[in-house]
Amino acid sequence: EHVFLLGPEFKPEHVHITQFNEGIFALFQANNITVSYERSKPYINHLKTLGKNILVAKGNLNYRSGYRAIHEDDLQHFRRSTMSMLGMEHYITQSCGVSSLTELTAKTNAETSDRSTGNQHLLRPPRIGIATRTASRRVHGAHNISSLLQDELDLKYRPPVFLMESLSFEEQVELFANVDILLTPHGAHLTGVPFMPRCGSVIELLPYGYDWNEFFGTLTAMSGLNHSYIYLGEDPVAETRFFHKRNRDQEVRSADICVPAHRVIEAVKIQVDHWHQCCGSAP
């Protein structure tokens, strides 16, 4: 018997349930995991009085420093099992435009051979996507940024812009699985980064006075991905501390995102280089 414990304050009638939340709860149900809205210590002590054998696994989540895992491969296991349950097995080993590391090695060796004869054959270019929101932290000019990225990087496609709130859980998982470089504002939707393919990158946009880059930065690193961020201010430590001391975190975290175009281009180019190096296809 497996139980996932949430505090009473997280009961559905007290919080806004997103489609991503609903998808996670569906995974629990499919794996016969019961969700209980009780305090952990009283609940565990009660089970002990009943003579139950208990194994407790607790991954600490700190709102400043971010995510932690019990085992190094926890997120990889989560990715594999979730995609298998959703019928998306073909995404599990897919990265760099190929479906397995064996195929990647073969293509990389062939590419090296082609270069020696002057016939360079690269893997497909990285897939860039822009995720935005509707309620808060909207990315102003997201479609203009997409068009600019296409021109500046000489892409054969225009990076798609996604509204995360409009997507079902399955669609969000598939979206993350099909993006190599994600440009996105800070937000709970980044919980889906473990579904991104190997060699992927996240570029997180942080509002002025809200420098919480480590929060999803740790989750990204644990998922085996690159993480970078663009902070829309001058002094992230001092400015974040200023608003935090005045209990104005909610105010600054809700601000819309207006990011300078040259900073986006620079950040994306860096992550494109990382992707090529990771995939073994650096020009």
Protein backbone atom coordinates (compact mmCIF):
# COMPACT_ATOMS: atom_id res chain seq x y z
CA GLU A 1 0.00 0.00 0.00
CA HIS A 2 1.41 3.37 -1.05
CA VAL A 3 0.20 6.70 0.31
CA PHE A 4 1.11 10.18 -0.93
CA LEU A 5 0.69 12.67 1.90
CA LEU A 6 -0.38 16.28 1.38
CA GLY A 7 -1.23 18.71 4.17
CA PRO A 8 -4.91 19.63 4.76
CA GLU A 9 -4.29 23.04 3.19
CA PHE A 10 -3.81 21.32 -0.17
CA LYS A 11 -7.28 19.80 -0.34
CA PRO A 12 -8.89 20.43 -3.76
CA GLU A 13 -11.46 22.82 -2.27
CA HIS A 14 -8.63 25.05 -0.96
CA VAL A 15 -6.36 25.30 -3.99
CA HIS A 16 -6.58 25.85 -7.72
CA ILE A 17 -6.25 22.48 -9.43
CA THR A 18 -4.50 22.69 -12.80
CA GLN A 19 -4.64 20.14 -15.60
CA PHE A 20 -1.08 19.17 -14.69
CA ASN A 21 -2.19 18.45 -11.11
CA GLU A 22 -5.07 16.35 -12.39
CA GLY A 23 -2.68 14.40 -14.58
CA ILE A 24 -0.37 13.63 -11.65
CA PHE A 25 -3.32 12.47 -9.53
CA ALA A 26 -4.41 10.21 -12.41
CA LEU A 27 -0.92 8.67 -12.40
CA PHE A 28 -1.25 8.06 -8.67
CA GLN A 29 -4.58 6.32 -9.19
CA ALA A 30 -3.21 4.18 -12.02
CA ASN A 31 -0.38 3.05 -9.73
CA ASN A 32 -2.72 2.36 -6.79
CA ILE A 33 -1.28 5.25 -4.79
CA THR A 34 -3.70 6.81 -2.30
CA VAL A 35 -3.60 10.58 -1.76
CA SER A 36 -4.23 11.55 1.88
CA TYR A 37 -4.60 15.13 3.09
CA GLU A 38 -3.16 14.74 6.57
CA ARG A 39 -0.14 15.89 8.53
CA SER A 40 2.67 13.40 8.11
CA LYS A 41 3.76 12.94 11.75
CA PRO A 42 0.29 12.20 13.25
CA TYR A 43 -0.55 9.97 10.28
CA ILE A 44 2.68 7.97 10.59
CA ASN A 45 2.36 7.71 14.37
CA HIS A 46 -1.18 6.38 13.94
CA LEU A 47 0.04 3.68 11.55
CA LYS A 48 2.75 2.72 14.02
CA THR A 49 0.16 2.19 16.78
CA LEU A 50 -1.55 -0.25 14.40
CA GLY A 51 1.67 -2.24 14.10
CA LYS A 52 2.23 -1.29 10.45
CA ASN A 53 5.66 -1.59 8.83
CA ILE A 54 6.40 1.83 7.39
CA LEU A 55 8.96 3.10 4.90
CA VAL A 56 9.00 6.89 4.64
CA ALA A 57 10.55 8.65 1.63
CA LYS A 58 10.62 12.42 1.87
CA GLY A 59 12.23 14.65 -0.73
CA ASN A 60 12.68 18.07 0.85
CA LEU A 61 11.45 21.01 -1.22
CA ASN A 62 12.80 24.36 -0.11
CA TYR A 63 11.07 27.40 -1.54
CA ARG A 64 14.39 29.20 -1.91
CA SER A 65 16.90 26.52 -2.84
CA GLY A 66 14.55 24.26 -4.79
CA TYR A 67 14.15 20.53 -5.30
CA ARG A 68 15.90 17.54 -3.78
CA ALA A 69 15.59 13.83 -4.58
CA ILE A 70 15.96 10.64 -2.59
CA HIS A 71 17.89 8.81 -5.32
CA GLU A 72 19.92 10.18 -8.23
CA ASP A 73 17.77 8.46 -10.85
CA ASP A 74 14.36 9.36 -9.35
CA LEU A 75 13.40 11.78 -12.12
CA GLN A 76 14.63 9.49 -14.89
CA HIS A 77 12.48 6.71 -13.44
CA PHE A 78 9.53 9.10 -13.18
CA ARG A 79 10.01 10.12 -16.84
CA ARG A 80 10.22 6.54 -18.10
CA SER A 81 7.26 5.22 -16.13
CA THR A 82 5.01 8.20 -16.91
CA MET A 83 5.67 8.11 -20.64
CA SER A 84 5.11 4.36 -20.71
CA MET A 85 1.75 4.77 -18.99
CA LEU A 86 0.74 7.50 -21.45
CA GLY A 87 1.70 5.40 -24.48
CA MET A 88 4.64 7.68 -25.31
CA GLU A 89 7.41 5.08 -25.12
CA HIS A 90 8.92 6.39 -28.37
CA TYR A 91 9.96 9.56 -26.54
CA ILE A 92 11.84 7.82 -23.73
CA THR A 93 15.17 7.34 -25.55
CA GLN A 94 14.66 9.98 -28.22
CA SER A 95 17.13 12.87 -28.22
CA CYS A 96 19.22 14.86 -30.67
CA GLY A 97 16.95 13.78 -33.51
CA VAL A 98 17.56 10.06 -33.01
CA SER A 99 15.78 7.41 -30.97
CA SER A 100 18.66 5.74 -29.12
CA LEU A 101 22.21 6.36 -27.97
CA THR A 102 23.39 3.59 -30.30
CA GLU A 103 21.87 5.39 -33.26
CA LEU A 104 23.29 8.69 -32.01
CA THR A 105 26.80 7.20 -31.85
CA ALA A 106 26.45 5.75 -35.33
CA LYS A 107 25.23 9.05 -36.77
CA THR A 108 27.95 11.03 -35.00
CA ASN A 109 30.66 8.70 -36.34
CA ALA A 110 29.18 8.98 -39.82
CA GLU A 111 29.13 12.76 -39.48
CA THR A 112 32.80 12.80 -38.49
CA SER A 113 33.60 10.68 -41.53
CA ASP A 114 31.61 13.00 -43.79
CA ARG A 115 33.47 16.06 -42.47
CA SER A 116 36.80 14.50 -43.40
CA THR A 117 35.59 14.31 -47.00
CA GLY A 118 34.09 17.79 -46.89
CA ASN A 119 30.50 16.49 -46.86
CA GLN A 120 29.21 17.69 -43.49
CA HIS A 121 26.04 15.99 -42.25
CA LEU A 122 24.63 17.33 -38.98
CA LEU A 123 21.79 16.03 -36.87
CA ARG A 124 18.54 17.99 -37.04
CA PRO A 125 18.74 21.43 -35.41
CA PRO A 126 17.49 21.83 -31.84
CA ARG A 127 13.76 22.47 -31.44
CA ILE A 128 13.14 25.81 -29.73
CA GLY A 129 9.83 26.60 -28.04
CA ILE A 130 8.36 29.52 -26.08
CA ALA A 131 5.95 28.86 -23.23
CA THR A 132 3.86 31.73 -21.90
CA ARG A 133 0.98 32.17 -19.47
CA THR A 134 -2.37 33.95 -19.37
CA ALA A 135 -2.99 34.86 -15.72
CA SER A 136 0.39 36.26 -14.68
CA ARG A 137 3.97 36.49 -15.95
CA ARG A 138 2.80 36.72 -19.53
CA VAL A 139 5.63 37.11 -22.04
CA HIS A 140 4.97 40.34 -23.92
CA GLY A 141 5.68 40.07 -27.63
CA ALA A 142 6.17 36.28 -27.52
CA HIS A 143 5.31 35.91 -31.21
CA ASN A 144 7.66 38.77 -32.12
CA ILE A 145 10.43 37.01 -30.18
CA SER A 146 9.66 33.82 -32.09
CA SER A 147 9.95 35.62 -35.43
CA LEU A 148 13.19 37.28 -34.34
CA LEU A 149 14.69 33.94 -33.29
CA GLN A 150 13.84 32.48 -36.69
CA ASP A 151 15.62 35.34 -38.47
CA GLU A 152 18.64 35.63 -36.18
CA LEU A 153 19.31 31.88 -36.00
CA ASP A 154 18.38 31.24 -39.64
CA LEU A 155 15.84 28.60 -38.63
CA LYS A 156 13.69 26.75 -41.15
CA TYR A 157 10.75 27.01 -38.77
CA ARG A 158 9.26 29.63 -36.47
CA PRO A 159 9.56 28.56 -32.80
CA PRO A 160 6.04 27.78 -31.58
CA VAL A 161 4.45 29.75 -28.72
CA PHE A 162 2.43 27.72 -26.22
CA LEU A 163 -0.18 28.76 -23.67
CA MET A 164 0.44 26.23 -20.91
CA GLU A 165 -2.93 26.64 -19.17
CA SER A 166 -4.75 25.58 -22.33
CA LEU A 167 -3.04 22.19 -22.55
CA SER A 168 -4.09 18.90 -20.96
CA PHE A 169 -1.59 16.94 -18.86
CA GLU A 170 -0.85 14.58 -21.76
CA GLU A 171 -0.36 17.52 -24.13
CA GLN A 172 2.01 19.21 -21.67
CA VAL A 173 4.10 16.03 -21.34
CA GLU A 174 4.27 15.72 -25.13
CA LEU A 175 5.18 19.39 -25.47
CA PHE A 176 8.13 19.06 -23.11
CA ALA A 177 9.22 15.87 -24.88
CA ASN A 178 9.35 17.73 -28.20
CA VAL A 179 11.31 20.82 -27.13
CA ASP A 180 15.10 20.93 -26.84
CA ILE A 181 15.40 24.56 -25.74
CA LEU A 182 12.54 26.10 -23.77
CA LEU A 183 12.21 29.85 -23.21
CA THR A 184 9.68 30.41 -20.44
CA PRO A 185 8.75 32.60 -17.46
CA HIS A 186 9.18 31.27 -13.94
CA GLY A 187 6.13 29.22 -12.93
CA ALA A 188 4.70 25.92 -11.73
CA HIS A 189 4.44 24.64 -15.33
CA LEU A 190 8.21 24.08 -15.15
CA THR A 191 7.43 20.99 -13.07
CA GLY A 192 7.25 19.30 -16.49
CA VAL A 193 10.93 19.77 -17.35
CA PRO A 194 11.81 16.13 -16.43
CA PHE A 195 9.97 15.14 -19.63
CA MET A 196 12.38 17.09 -21.85
CA PRO A 197 14.85 15.06 -23.95
CA ARG A 198 18.51 14.55 -23.19
CA CYS A 199 20.77 17.54 -23.96
CA GLY A 200 17.86 19.95 -23.51
CA SER A 201 17.98 23.40 -21.93
CA VAL A 202 15.64 25.71 -20.02
CA ILE A 203 15.96 29.51 -20.21
CA GLU A 204 13.91 30.88 -17.33
CA LEU A 205 12.62 34.48 -17.36
CA LEU A 206 12.51 36.04 -13.87
CA PRO A 207 10.57 39.24 -13.09
CA TYR A 208 12.21 42.26 -11.47
CA GLY A 209 12.58 41.68 -7.73
CA TYR A 210 11.96 37.92 -7.96
CA ASP A 211 15.27 36.10 -8.33
CA TRP A 212 14.28 32.52 -7.48
CA ASN A 213 16.47 30.92 -10.14
CA GLU A 214 17.54 28.01 -7.92
CA PHE A 215 13.98 26.76 -7.42
CA PHE A 216 13.46 25.19 -10.85
CA GLY A 217 17.19 25.33 -11.56
CA THR A 218 17.73 22.37 -9.23
CA LEU A 219 14.87 20.43 -10.84
CA THR A 220 16.35 21.08 -14.28
CA ALA A 221 19.80 19.91 -13.17
CA MET A 222 18.35 16.78 -11.57
CA SER A 223 16.66 16.04 -14.91
CA GLY A 224 20.05 16.09 -16.65
CA LEU A 225 19.38 19.37 -18.48
CA ASN A 226 21.04 22.77 -18.76
CA HIS A 227 19.48 25.70 -16.92
CA SER A 228 20.02 29.41 -17.45
CA TYR A 229 17.94 32.46 -16.64
CA ILE A 230 17.37 36.09 -17.58
CA TYR A 231 16.67 38.33 -14.60
CA LEU A 232 14.86 41.55 -15.47
CA GLY A 233 16.68 43.81 -13.03
CA GLU A 234 20.11 45.05 -12.02
CA ASP A 235 20.86 43.57 -8.58
CA PRO A 236 18.90 40.32 -8.12
CA VAL A 237 19.93 39.71 -4.49
CA ALA A 238 19.25 43.22 -3.19
CA GLU A 239 16.06 43.75 -5.20
CA THR A 240 14.59 40.37 -4.24
CA ARG A 241 15.43 40.97 -0.57
CA PHE A 242 13.78 44.43 -0.72
CA PHE A 243 10.40 43.07 -1.83
CA HIS A 244 10.61 39.92 0.30
CA LYS A 245 11.11 41.91 3.52
CA ARG A 246 8.02 43.95 2.69
CA ASN A 247 5.91 40.85 1.97
CA ARG A 248 5.52 41.93 -1.65
CA ASP A 249 6.63 38.64 -3.23
CA GLN A 250 3.18 38.02 -4.72
CA GLU A 251 3.18 41.46 -6.31
CA VAL A 252 6.49 41.10 -8.13
CA ARG A 253 6.00 37.45 -9.07
CA SER A 254 2.76 38.30 -10.87
CA ALA A 255 4.32 40.96 -13.09
CA ASP A 256 4.29 40.42 -16.84
CA ILE A 257 7.56 39.72 -18.63
CA CYS A 258 9.05 42.21 -21.09
CA VAL A 259 12.49 40.90 -21.94
CA PRO A 260 15.03 42.75 -24.16
CA ALA A 261 15.36 41.01 -27.51
CA HIS A 262 19.18 41.03 -27.54
CA ARG A 263 19.29 39.16 -24.21
CA VAL A 264 16.97 36.46 -25.56
CA ILE A 265 19.04 36.00 -28.72
CA GLU A 266 22.28 35.79 -26.72
CA ALA A 267 20.84 33.28 -24.23
CA VAL A 268 19.35 31.04 -26.92
CA LYS A 269 22.57 31.02 -28.96
CA ILE A 270 24.49 29.85 -25.88
CA GLN A 271 22.05 26.99 -25.30
CA VAL A 272 22.11 26.01 -28.98
CA ASP A 273 25.90 25.64 -28.67
CA HIS A 274 25.42 23.53 -25.51
CA TRP A 275 22.95 21.31 -27.37
CA HIS A 276 25.37 20.71 -30.27
CA GLN A 277 28.23 19.95 -27.88
CA CYS A 278 26.09 17.53 -25.88
CA CYS A 279 24.85 15.78 -29.01
CA GLY A 280 28.35 15.50 -30.39
CA SER A 281 27.51 17.62 -33.45
CA ALA A 282 29.30 20.89 -32.74
CA PRO A 283 30.03 22.55 -36.08
